[in-house]
Amino acid sequence: MSKEIQNLAKDTVIYGLSSMLGRFLNWCLVPLYTYKLIQAEFGEVTNLYAWMSLLLVILTYGMETGYFRFVDENKTPWKTFSTCMTSLTASSFAFLGLIILFLSPISNAIGYSTHKDYIIMTALILTMDAISAVPFAMLRYKKKAIKFASLKMLFIFLNIVFNVFFLVLAPMIWNSHPELISWFYNPNYGVGYILVANVLCTLVVLLTLLPEIFKMKWSFDYDLLKKILRYSFPLLILGIAGIMNQTVDKILYPYLGGNGDLNLAKEQLGIYGANYKIAIIMVMFTQAFRYAYEPFIFAKTGSKDKRNSYADAMKYFIIFSLLIFLSVIFYLDIIRYFINPKYFPGLKIVPIVMAAQLFFGIVFNLSLWYKLIDRTRWGAYFSVLGLIITLVINFIFVPKYGYIACAWAAFICYAVMMLSSYFVGQHYYPINYNLKSIFGYTLLAIILYTISSYVTIDNIVWRLIFRTLLLFVFIAYVIKKDLPLKNIPYINKLLK
């Protein structure tokens, strides 16, 4: 394992531990939601946050990657930061103003005519998140991984505290001493308090970022902004199509599912959304890897051995992704109890969604070729192709098969994007990926997954022991082929 890959691994661990711990803690809110909210209400939460994910991509319009691309080309990197920051702040406040101005028609159009306050809070969250995007990118650029991780953890911690207060403690106080909280608490507000908690957390994090923001010199460069926008615009198209691939099923499901019954559709969306959260572990790893990998690929531009490093990064990403996949599937009998048992019918989507997210991680790894040679439009092409596939499958099959069609749509979408990006990338920016090794690991994972699925063991203890042995087979293969114990820091000292 090269020094560069070891450094990448170290940053991934820092980002990953905070991201995985934070996501895990946030994940622990899922049982709270599934027990405190009815399925239709959890469906509303799933729908609202799908809208947020899509709109946040639009509001940041590729500025994070644009910042990384141009910050080293300018002798005054603070100018790149201030230019991006000025643009994002102006556009974010313009968005907030438009939402307030057209609140009623927007609320009616997306089905929240009786909850306009939900739309206002959503807009506030998005505005603050968009303004925070470049400061967080700057922390990554400056290798301030610990501060970055700490602020992300602060958000998660506060989010949990506020959610527990509004959904657990406040109802208890209301039942015993309502006069103490009646001035601000409404026991029937439900979903609204999830948004209130998010607004408060996002505000605190933004305030915490202000010292980093204001200690920079401010200088707006219009010509630089045009360069960044020209570079980032294809990434915006890519981002919109990409995030729609992840969220469009949750946005459209109320209109496609439930056989025309909106309440039933929301209930089914709640089941789908809760089980989708189980697969979030794969998303956590991909996100942690992305935080470290994006600055890494641009910093490596002038290195002679960069393609070998990229190939190694892909191999190790796939190895650890497959390990995560097998771990979740093998221990699903335990993990599933993080959600209310009434959501168990949706467990069948978990392996499909996790495999789809693994493909998505590979797509991100492959995306380096068009980012490095400034052909970002190809990313837009692949994402639009994936979006077309997602929409076609959802419109044709969701009305008949429900949310299982959503899961398969994601699987097929990312598989096609992965293959397309690989073959086109090999033409424009050939990288000698170790396909033999990658196929070997993938085949082994498929075999172990198949064995675990078809070997029936009624006793849960023995079933888990059997699956643990299968997992050890994969780990042993990794150690033998690509990760000898003597090469792992700290463990090598113990061996000596």
Protein backbone atom coordinates (compact mmCIF):
# COMPACT_ATOMS: atom_id res chain seq x y z
CA MET A 1 0.00 0.00 0.00
CA SER A 2 1.59 3.31 -1.15
CA LYS A 3 2.22 6.29 1.14
CA GLU A 4 -0.43 8.29 -0.71
CA ILE A 5 -3.04 5.61 -0.15
CA GLN A 6 -2.07 5.40 3.52
CA ASN A 7 -2.56 9.17 3.88
CA LEU A 8 -5.88 8.91 2.07
CA ALA A 9 -6.86 6.09 4.42
CA LYS A 10 -5.94 8.21 7.45
CA ASP A 11 -8.11 11.11 6.30
CA THR A 12 -10.89 8.70 5.43
CA VAL A 13 -10.72 7.30 8.97
CA ILE A 14 -11.00 10.78 10.51
CA TYR A 15 -13.88 11.79 8.27
CA GLY A 16 -15.28 8.29 8.42
CA LEU A 17 -15.31 7.89 12.19
CA SER A 18 -17.12 11.18 12.64
CA SER A 19 -19.43 10.53 9.71
CA MET A 20 -20.16 6.95 10.72
CA LEU A 21 -20.58 7.81 14.39
CA GLY A 22 -22.68 10.81 13.52
CA ARG A 23 -24.81 8.90 11.03
CA PHE A 24 -25.13 6.06 13.52
CA LEU A 25 -26.34 8.45 16.22
CA ASN A 26 -28.67 10.09 13.73
CA TRP A 27 -29.70 6.61 12.63
CA CYS A 28 -30.78 5.98 16.20
CA LEU A 29 -33.49 8.58 15.64
CA VAL A 30 -35.16 6.22 13.16
CA PRO A 31 -36.66 3.96 15.86
CA LEU A 32 -37.77 7.09 17.69
CA TYR A 33 -39.56 8.30 14.58
CA THR A 34 -41.05 4.91 13.76
CA TYR A 35 -42.44 4.53 17.28
CA LYS A 36 -43.56 8.14 17.82
CA LEU A 37 -44.94 8.85 14.35
CA ILE A 38 -47.50 6.89 12.41
CA GLN A 39 -46.32 5.45 9.10
CA ALA A 40 -47.97 8.19 7.04
CA GLU A 41 -46.21 10.86 9.14
CA PHE A 42 -42.85 9.16 8.65
CA GLY A 43 -43.72 9.14 4.95
CA GLU A 44 -44.07 12.93 5.14
CA VAL A 45 -40.65 13.18 6.80
CA THR A 46 -39.16 11.03 4.03
CA ASN A 47 -40.82 13.18 1.36
CA LEU A 48 -39.74 16.52 2.87
CA TYR A 49 -36.12 15.48 3.27
CA ALA A 50 -36.08 14.17 -0.29
CA TRP A 51 -37.11 17.65 -1.43
CA MET A 52 -34.38 19.16 0.78
CA SER A 53 -31.69 16.95 -0.75
CA LEU A 54 -32.68 17.97 -4.27
CA LEU A 55 -32.96 21.69 -3.52
CA LEU A 56 -29.65 21.80 -1.65
CA VAL A 57 -27.83 20.54 -4.74
CA ILE A 58 -29.49 23.29 -6.78
CA LEU A 59 -28.65 25.97 -4.22
CA THR A 60 -24.96 25.03 -4.00
CA TYR A 61 -24.67 24.56 -7.82
CA GLY A 62 -21.36 22.67 -7.74
CA MET A 63 -19.49 25.40 -5.84
CA GLU A 64 -17.71 22.96 -3.51
CA THR A 65 -15.98 21.13 -6.36
CA GLY A 66 -15.46 24.41 -8.21
CA TYR A 67 -13.71 25.77 -5.12
CA PHE A 68 -11.35 22.77 -5.00
CA ARG A 69 -10.68 23.08 -8.73
CA PHE A 70 -9.63 26.75 -8.71
CA VAL A 71 -8.30 27.42 -5.22
CA ASP A 72 -4.78 26.24 -6.10
CA GLU A 73 -4.69 28.08 -9.42
CA ASN A 74 -5.01 31.43 -7.71
CA LYS A 75 -2.05 32.96 -5.87
CA THR A 76 -4.56 34.35 -3.38
CA PRO A 77 -6.72 31.35 -2.41
CA TRP A 78 -8.83 33.54 -0.14
CA LYS A 79 -10.11 35.27 -3.28
CA THR A 80 -11.55 31.98 -4.53
CA PHE A 81 -13.22 31.43 -1.17
CA SER A 82 -14.71 34.91 -0.92
CA THR A 83 -15.94 34.83 -4.53
CA CYS A 84 -17.70 31.51 -4.02
CA MET A 85 -19.03 32.61 -0.64
CA THR A 86 -20.46 35.88 -1.97
CA SER A 87 -22.20 34.09 -4.83
CA LEU A 88 -23.71 31.41 -2.60
CA THR A 89 -24.89 33.85 0.06
CA ALA A 90 -26.62 36.09 -2.48
CA SER A 91 -28.35 33.21 -4.27
CA SER A 92 -29.42 31.57 -0.99
CA PHE A 93 -31.12 34.69 0.32
CA ALA A 94 -32.77 35.20 -3.06
CA PHE A 95 -34.16 31.65 -2.80
CA LEU A 96 -35.49 32.33 0.71
CA GLY A 97 -37.16 35.52 -0.49
CA LEU A 98 -38.87 33.72 -3.38
CA ILE A 99 -40.18 30.99 -1.08
CA ILE A 100 -41.70 33.58 1.25
CA LEU A 101 -43.15 35.55 -1.68
CA PHE A 102 -44.79 32.51 -3.31
CA LEU A 103 -45.45 30.47 -0.17
CA SER A 104 -49.10 29.59 -0.85
CA PRO A 105 -48.77 28.29 -4.43
CA ILE A 106 -45.62 26.34 -3.55
CA SER A 107 -47.26 24.75 -0.51
CA ASN A 108 -50.32 23.79 -2.51
CA ALA A 109 -48.26 22.38 -5.39
CA ILE A 110 -46.30 19.90 -3.24
CA GLY A 111 -49.19 18.89 -0.97
CA TYR A 112 -48.54 20.91 2.21
CA SER A 113 -51.31 23.50 1.94
CA THR A 114 -52.21 22.98 5.61
CA HIS A 115 -48.59 23.14 6.74
CA LYS A 116 -47.05 26.23 5.16
CA ASP A 117 -44.83 26.45 8.23
CA TYR A 118 -43.12 23.23 7.09
CA ILE A 119 -42.15 24.98 3.84
CA ILE A 120 -40.79 28.05 5.65
CA MET A 121 -38.64 25.92 7.96
CA THR A 122 -37.42 23.84 5.05
CA ALA A 123 -36.37 27.01 3.22
CA LEU A 124 -34.53 28.30 6.29
CA ILE A 125 -32.63 25.03 6.67
CA LEU A 126 -31.66 25.02 3.00
CA THR A 127 -30.51 28.64 3.07
CA MET A 128 -28.21 28.09 6.04
CA ASP A 129 -26.90 24.78 4.66
CA ALA A 130 -26.05 26.37 1.31
CA ILE A 131 -24.19 29.24 2.97
CA SER A 132 -22.22 26.71 5.06
CA ALA A 133 -21.14 24.60 2.07
CA VAL A 134 -18.01 26.53 1.03
CA PRO A 135 -16.73 27.09 4.60
CA PHE A 136 -16.90 23.34 5.12
CA ALA A 137 -15.08 22.83 1.80
CA MET A 138 -12.39 25.24 3.00
CA LEU A 139 -11.87 23.16 6.14
CA ARG A 140 -11.35 20.09 3.97
CA TYR A 141 -8.91 21.98 1.72
CA LYS A 142 -6.90 23.15 4.72
CA LYS A 143 -6.79 19.55 6.03
CA LYS A 144 -8.71 20.57 9.14
CA ALA A 145 -10.37 17.19 9.27
CA ILE A 146 -10.82 17.23 13.05
CA LYS A 147 -12.57 20.61 13.08
CA PHE A 148 -14.71 19.56 10.13
CA ALA A 149 -15.67 16.36 11.90
CA SER A 150 -16.31 18.16 15.19
CA LEU A 151 -18.78 20.57 13.63
CA LYS A 152 -20.60 17.76 11.87
CA MET A 153 -20.77 15.91 15.19
CA LEU A 154 -22.05 19.04 16.93
CA PHE A 155 -24.95 19.15 14.49
CA ILE A 156 -25.77 15.48 15.08
CA PHE A 157 -25.54 15.82 18.86
CA LEU A 158 -27.83 18.86 18.95
CA ASN A 159 -30.23 17.24 16.51
CA ILE A 160 -30.58 14.22 18.77
CA VAL A 161 -31.01 16.38 21.88
CA PHE A 162 -33.73 18.52 20.31
CA ASN A 163 -35.54 15.53 18.78
CA VAL A 164 -35.54 13.65 22.07
CA PHE A 165 -36.80 16.74 23.87
CA PHE A 166 -39.64 17.52 21.46
CA LEU A 167 -40.73 13.92 20.79
CA VAL A 168 -40.08 12.25 24.16
CA LEU A 169 -39.52 14.64 27.05
CA ALA A 170 -41.98 17.38 26.06
CA PRO A 171 -44.94 14.94 25.78
CA MET A 172 -44.05 13.57 29.22
CA ILE A 173 -43.97 17.07 30.70
CA TRP A 174 -47.20 17.93 28.91
CA ASN A 175 -48.97 14.95 30.46
CA SER A 176 -47.90 15.84 33.99
CA HIS A 177 -47.39 19.64 34.03
CA PRO A 178 -48.67 21.16 30.79
CA GLU A 179 -48.52 24.68 32.21
CA LEU A 180 -44.70 24.54 32.12
CA ILE A 181 -44.44 24.25 28.34
CA SER A 182 -47.86 25.26 27.02
CA TRP A 183 -46.42 28.63 25.93
CA PHE A 184 -44.35 27.02 23.16
CA TYR A 185 -45.30 23.34 22.87
CA ASN A 186 -48.16 21.83 20.83
CA PRO A 187 -48.59 18.06 21.42
CA ASN A 188 -50.17 17.62 17.96
CA TYR A 189 -47.35 19.25 15.97
CA GLY A 190 -45.47 15.95 15.39
CA VAL A 191 -43.47 16.18 12.17
CA GLY A 192 -43.07 19.92 12.63
CA TYR A 193 -40.80 19.45 15.63
CA ILE A 194 -38.36 17.42 13.53
CA LEU A 195 -38.00 20.47 11.30
CA VAL A 196 -37.78 22.83 14.31
CA ALA A 197 -34.89 20.73 15.65
CA ASN A 198 -33.15 20.89 12.27
CA VAL A 199 -33.51 24.68 12.05
CA LEU A 200 -31.97 25.14 15.51
CA CYS A 201 -29.05 22.78 14.83
CA THR A 202 -28.25 24.30 11.44
CA LEU A 203 -28.29 27.80 12.92
CA VAL A 204 -25.85 26.83 15.68
CA VAL A 205 -23.40 25.26 13.21
CA LEU A 206 -23.56 28.28 10.91
CA LEU A 207 -22.84 30.60 13.83
CA THR A 208 -19.89 28.38 14.78
CA LEU A 209 -18.50 28.74 11.24
CA LEU A 210 -18.64 32.54 11.30
CA PRO A 211 -15.10 32.98 12.75
CA GLU A 212 -13.68 30.91 9.86
CA ILE A 213 -15.71 32.94 7.39
CA PHE A 214 -14.87 36.43 8.62
CA LYS A 215 -11.16 35.91 9.22
CA MET A 216 -10.71 35.55 5.46
CA LYS A 217 -9.97 38.54 3.26
CA TRP A 218 -12.93 39.44 1.09
CA SER A 219 -12.52 40.20 -2.58
CA PHE A 220 -15.11 39.41 -5.22
CA ASP A 221 -13.67 38.48 -8.62
CA TYR A 222 -16.36 38.39 -11.30
CA ASP A 223 -14.07 36.86 -13.94
CA LEU A 224 -13.10 34.10 -11.52
CA LEU A 225 -16.77 33.49 -10.73
CA LYS A 226 -17.50 33.04 -14.44
CA LYS A 227 -14.72 30.44 -14.66
CA ILE A 228 -16.03 28.61 -11.63
CA LEU A 229 -19.62 28.68 -12.89
CA ARG A 230 -18.53 27.49 -16.34
CA TYR A 231 -16.69 24.59 -14.71
CA SER A 232 -19.41 23.86 -12.16
CA PHE A 233 -22.50 24.13 -14.37
CA PRO A 234 -22.13 20.60 -15.78
CA LEU A 235 -21.60 19.48 -12.18
CA LEU A 236 -24.89 21.15 -11.27
CA ILE A 237 -26.67 19.17 -13.98
CA LEU A 238 -24.81 16.09 -12.78
CA GLY A 239 -25.76 16.87 -9.19
CA ILE A 240 -29.43 17.48 -9.95
CA ALA A 241 -29.72 14.31 -11.99
CA GLY A 242 -27.64 12.41 -9.44
CA ILE A 243 -29.65 13.49 -6.40
CA MET A 244 -32.89 12.92 -8.29
CA ASN A 245 -31.73 9.36 -8.86
CA GLN A 246 -31.65 9.07 -5.06
CA THR A 247 -34.72 11.09 -4.16
CA VAL A 248 -37.15 11.18 -7.08
CA ASP A 249 -38.80 7.93 -5.95
CA LYS A 250 -39.51 9.48 -2.54
CA ILE A 251 -40.77 12.69 -4.17
CA LEU A 252 -43.03 10.94 -6.69
CA TYR A 253 -44.20 8.01 -4.57
CA PRO A 254 -47.23 9.80 -3.07
CA TYR A 255 -48.49 10.24 -6.64
CA LEU A 256 -47.51 6.82 -8.03
CA GLY A 257 -48.01 4.38 -5.13
CA GLY A 258 -50.93 3.35 -2.98
CA ASN A 259 -53.28 2.67 -5.92
CA GLY A 260 -54.42 6.27 -5.87
CA ASP A 261 -54.90 6.37 -2.08
CA LEU A 262 -52.66 9.23 -0.88
CA ASN A 263 -52.69 8.14 2.76
CA LEU A 264 -51.80 4.55 1.82
CA ALA A 265 -49.03 5.86 -0.43
CA LYS A 266 -47.59 7.86 2.47
CA GLU A 267 -47.75 4.77 4.70
CA GLN A 268 -45.87 2.71 2.11
CA LEU A 269 -43.37 5.53 1.66
CA GLY A 270 -42.87 5.49 5.43
CA ILE A 271 -42.04 1.77 5.31
CA TYR A 272 -39.72 2.27 2.35
CA GLY A 273 -38.02 5.25 3.98
CA ALA A 274 -37.45 3.44 7.29
CA ASN A 275 -35.85 0.41 5.63
CA TYR A 276 -33.85 2.63 3.30
CA LYS A 277 -32.28 4.05 6.48
CA ILE A 278 -30.92 0.60 7.35
CA ALA A 279 -28.87 0.71 4.15
CA ILE A 280 -27.44 4.09 5.18
CA ILE A 281 -24.22 2.41 6.38
CA MET A 282 -23.06 2.04 2.79
CA VAL A 283 -23.86 5.70 2.15
CA MET A 284 -21.84 6.66 5.25
CA PHE A 285 -18.72 4.95 3.99
CA THR A 286 -19.08 6.43 0.50
CA GLN A 287 -19.55 9.92 1.96
CA ALA A 288 -16.55 9.56 4.28
CA PHE A 289 -14.41 8.37 1.39
CA ARG A 290 -15.60 11.27 -0.76
CA TYR A 291 -14.61 13.89 1.81
CA ALA A 292 -11.02 12.66 1.76
CA TYR A 293 -10.82 11.60 -1.90
CA GLU A 294 -11.98 14.79 -3.64
CA PRO A 295 -9.12 17.02 -2.33
CA PHE A 296 -6.77 14.04 -2.85
CA ILE A 297 -7.41 13.67 -6.58
CA PHE A 298 -6.86 17.36 -7.32
CA ALA A 299 -3.75 17.53 -5.12
CA LYS A 300 -2.32 14.56 -7.03
CA THR A 301 -2.67 16.18 -10.46
CA GLY A 302 1.05 16.74 -10.94
CA SER A 303 2.20 13.39 -9.58
CA LYS A 304 3.78 10.88 -11.97
CA ASP A 305 2.20 7.81 -10.37
CA LYS A 306 -1.28 9.24 -9.90
CA ARG A 307 -3.08 6.63 -11.99
CA ASN A 308 -1.66 3.77 -9.95
CA SER A 309 -2.83 5.53 -6.80
CA TYR A 310 -6.32 5.99 -8.26
CA ALA A 311 -6.46 2.32 -9.23
CA ASP A 312 -5.41 1.26 -5.72
CA ALA A 313 -8.01 3.59 -4.18
CA MET A 314 -10.74 2.00 -6.29
CA LYS A 315 -9.72 -1.51 -5.29
CA TYR A 316 -9.65 -0.78 -1.57
CA PHE A 317 -12.91 1.13 -1.77
CA ILE A 318 -14.63 -1.88 -3.31
CA ILE A 319 -13.05 -4.28 -0.81
CA PHE A 320 -14.31 -2.35 2.20
CA SER A 321 -17.68 -1.65 0.59
CA LEU A 322 -18.22 -5.38 0.05
CA LEU A 323 -17.18 -6.02 3.66
CA ILE A 324 -19.78 -3.49 4.86
CA PHE A 325 -22.42 -5.01 2.60
CA LEU A 326 -21.84 -8.53 3.93
CA SER A 327 -21.69 -7.34 7.55
CA VAL A 328 -25.08 -5.60 7.35
CA ILE A 329 -26.80 -8.43 5.49
CA PHE A 330 -25.37 -11.15 7.73
CA TYR A 331 -26.47 -9.35 10.91
CA LEU A 332 -29.77 -8.01 9.60
CA ASP A 333 -31.60 -10.21 12.11
CA ILE A 334 -30.24 -7.87 14.80
CA ILE A 335 -29.99 -4.58 12.91
CA ARG A 336 -33.65 -4.70 11.87
CA TYR A 337 -34.79 -4.02 15.42
CA PHE A 338 -33.64 -0.44 15.06
CA ILE A 339 -37.03 0.15 13.43
CA ASN A 340 -40.53 -0.67 14.61
CA PRO A 341 -41.49 -4.27 13.67
CA LYS A 342 -44.49 -2.95 11.72
CA TYR A 343 -41.93 -1.73 9.16
CA PHE A 344 -40.35 -5.21 8.70
CA PRO A 345 -42.21 -5.96 5.43
CA GLY A 346 -39.82 -3.53 3.77
CA LEU A 347 -36.63 -5.39 4.81
CA LYS A 348 -36.50 -7.05 1.39
CA ILE A 349 -35.24 -3.79 -0.14
CA VAL A 350 -32.14 -3.58 2.09
CA PRO A 351 -29.70 -5.76 0.04
CA ILE A 352 -30.92 -4.19 -3.21
CA VAL A 353 -30.43 -0.63 -1.95
CA MET A 354 -27.03 -1.44 -0.42
CA ALA A 355 -25.81 -2.95 -3.69
CA ALA A 356 -27.12 0.13 -5.52
CA GLN A 357 -25.20 2.40 -3.13
CA LEU A 358 -22.04 0.36 -3.68
CA PHE A 359 -22.40 1.00 -7.42
CA PHE A 360 -22.93 4.69 -6.65
CA GLY A 361 -19.67 4.75 -4.70
CA ILE A 362 -17.86 3.24 -7.66
CA VAL A 363 -19.46 5.86 -9.92
CA PHE A 364 -18.00 8.57 -7.67
CA ASN A 365 -14.54 6.94 -7.83
CA LEU A 366 -14.77 6.79 -11.61
CA SER A 367 -15.83 10.44 -11.81
CA LEU A 368 -12.24 11.61 -11.24
CA TRP A 369 -11.37 11.20 -14.92
CA TYR A 370 -13.75 13.85 -16.22
CA LYS A 371 -13.06 16.17 -13.27
CA LEU A 372 -9.30 16.08 -13.85
CA ILE A 373 -9.46 16.73 -17.60
CA ASP A 374 -12.25 19.33 -17.30
CA ARG A 375 -14.81 17.26 -19.20
CA THR A 376 -17.40 17.49 -16.45
CA ARG A 377 -20.21 17.44 -19.00
CA TRP A 378 -19.72 13.66 -19.16
CA GLY A 379 -20.79 13.44 -15.55
CA ALA A 380 -23.97 15.23 -16.53
CA TYR A 381 -24.53 12.79 -19.41
CA PHE A 382 -24.20 9.76 -17.13
CA SER A 383 -26.46 11.25 -14.48
CA VAL A 384 -29.14 12.21 -16.99
CA LEU A 385 -28.98 8.68 -18.42
CA GLY A 386 -29.43 7.30 -14.90
CA LEU A 387 -32.29 9.68 -14.21
CA ILE A 388 -34.12 8.60 -17.37
CA ILE A 389 -33.78 4.97 -16.30
CA THR A 390 -34.99 5.80 -12.78
CA LEU A 391 -38.02 7.75 -14.02
CA VAL A 392 -39.02 5.12 -16.58
CA ILE A 393 -38.85 2.27 -14.06
CA ASN A 394 -40.69 4.27 -11.39
CA PHE A 395 -43.50 5.41 -13.67
CA ILE A 396 -44.01 1.96 -15.20
CA PHE A 397 -43.51 -0.38 -12.25
CA VAL A 398 -44.21 1.53 -9.00
CA PRO A 399 -48.01 1.65 -9.54
CA LYS A 400 -48.01 -2.16 -9.82
CA TYR A 401 -45.16 -3.34 -7.58
CA GLY A 402 -44.83 -0.51 -5.06
CA TYR A 403 -41.60 0.47 -3.34
CA ILE A 404 -39.71 -2.70 -4.37
CA ALA A 405 -39.65 -1.16 -7.87
CA CYS A 406 -38.01 1.96 -6.39
CA ALA A 407 -35.18 -0.18 -5.00
CA TRP A 408 -34.60 -2.00 -8.28
CA ALA A 409 -34.71 1.29 -10.18
CA ALA A 410 -31.79 2.55 -8.07
CA PHE A 411 -29.88 -0.70 -8.61
CA ILE A 412 -30.26 -0.64 -12.40
CA CYS A 413 -29.66 3.11 -12.62
CA TYR A 414 -26.30 3.02 -10.82
CA ALA A 415 -25.20 -0.18 -12.54
CA VAL A 416 -25.69 1.45 -15.95
CA MET A 417 -23.97 4.66 -14.83
CA MET A 418 -21.04 2.68 -13.44
CA LEU A 419 -20.48 0.72 -16.64
CA SER A 420 -20.94 3.77 -18.87
CA SER A 421 -18.49 5.88 -16.88
CA TYR A 422 -15.91 3.10 -16.84
CA PHE A 423 -15.88 2.44 -20.59
CA VAL A 424 -15.97 6.11 -21.63
CA GLY A 425 -13.35 6.98 -19.02
CA GLN A 426 -10.98 4.33 -20.33
CA HIS A 427 -11.07 6.10 -23.68
CA TYR A 428 -10.35 9.63 -22.41
CA TYR A 429 -8.28 8.92 -19.28
CA PRO A 430 -7.19 5.26 -19.14
CA ILE A 431 -6.56 3.87 -15.67
CA ASN A 432 -5.33 0.32 -15.23
CA TYR A 433 -7.79 -0.84 -12.60
CA ASN A 434 -7.06 -4.28 -11.16
CA LEU A 435 -10.22 -5.82 -12.60
CA LYS A 436 -9.10 -9.38 -11.89
CA SER A 437 -8.77 -8.65 -8.17
CA ILE A 438 -12.01 -6.62 -8.09
CA PHE A 439 -13.96 -9.38 -9.84
CA GLY A 440 -12.47 -11.93 -7.44
CA TYR A 441 -13.66 -10.04 -4.38
CA THR A 442 -17.07 -9.39 -5.93
CA LEU A 443 -17.55 -13.05 -6.87
CA LEU A 444 -16.56 -14.18 -3.38
CA ALA A 445 -19.04 -11.72 -1.81
CA ILE A 446 -21.83 -12.96 -4.10
CA ILE A 447 -21.08 -16.58 -3.21
CA LEU A 448 -21.05 -15.87 0.53
CA TYR A 449 -24.28 -13.84 0.27
CA THR A 450 -25.95 -16.64 -1.69
CA ILE A 451 -24.88 -19.25 0.85
CA SER A 452 -26.24 -17.15 3.73
CA SER A 453 -29.54 -16.68 1.90
CA TYR A 454 -30.17 -20.31 1.00
CA VAL A 455 -28.80 -22.12 4.06
CA THR A 456 -31.76 -22.18 6.44
CA ILE A 457 -30.96 -22.23 10.16
CA ASP A 458 -33.97 -21.68 12.41
CA ASN A 459 -32.01 -20.98 15.59
CA ILE A 460 -30.94 -17.33 15.42
CA VAL A 461 -27.79 -17.87 17.53
CA TRP A 462 -26.47 -20.63 15.28
CA ARG A 463 -27.54 -18.67 12.22
CA LEU A 464 -25.48 -15.68 13.34
CA ILE A 465 -22.49 -17.89 14.20
CA PHE A 466 -22.66 -19.46 10.74
CA ARG A 467 -22.82 -16.07 9.05
CA THR A 468 -19.95 -14.79 11.20
CA LEU A 469 -17.82 -17.65 9.90
CA LEU A 470 -18.77 -16.65 6.35
CA LEU A 471 -17.71 -13.08 7.10
CA PHE A 472 -14.37 -14.34 8.46
CA VAL A 473 -13.83 -16.15 5.16
CA PHE A 474 -14.05 -12.83 3.32
CA ILE A 475 -11.81 -11.06 5.85
CA ALA A 476 -9.23 -13.84 5.66
CA TYR A 477 -9.18 -13.56 1.87
CA VAL A 478 -8.62 -9.80 2.12
CA ILE A 479 -5.74 -10.26 4.57
CA LYS A 480 -4.13 -12.92 2.42
CA LYS A 481 -4.44 -11.04 -0.88
CA ASP A 482 -4.14 -7.31 -0.21
CA LEU A 483 -3.93 -6.35 3.44
CA PRO A 484 -1.31 -8.37 5.35
CA LEU A 485 -1.50 -7.75 9.07
CA LYS A 486 2.16 -6.67 9.16
CA ASN A 487 1.28 -3.68 6.95
CA ILE A 488 -1.48 -2.36 9.22
CA PRO A 489 -0.31 0.39 11.61
CA TYR A 490 -0.40 -0.55 15.33
CA ILE A 491 -1.28 -4.15 14.54
CA ASN A 492 2.18 -4.62 13.00
CA LYS A 493 3.72 -3.48 16.29
CA LEU A 494 1.68 -6.03 18.19
CA LEU A 495 2.84 -8.74 15.81
CA LYS A 496 6.47 -7.73 16.30
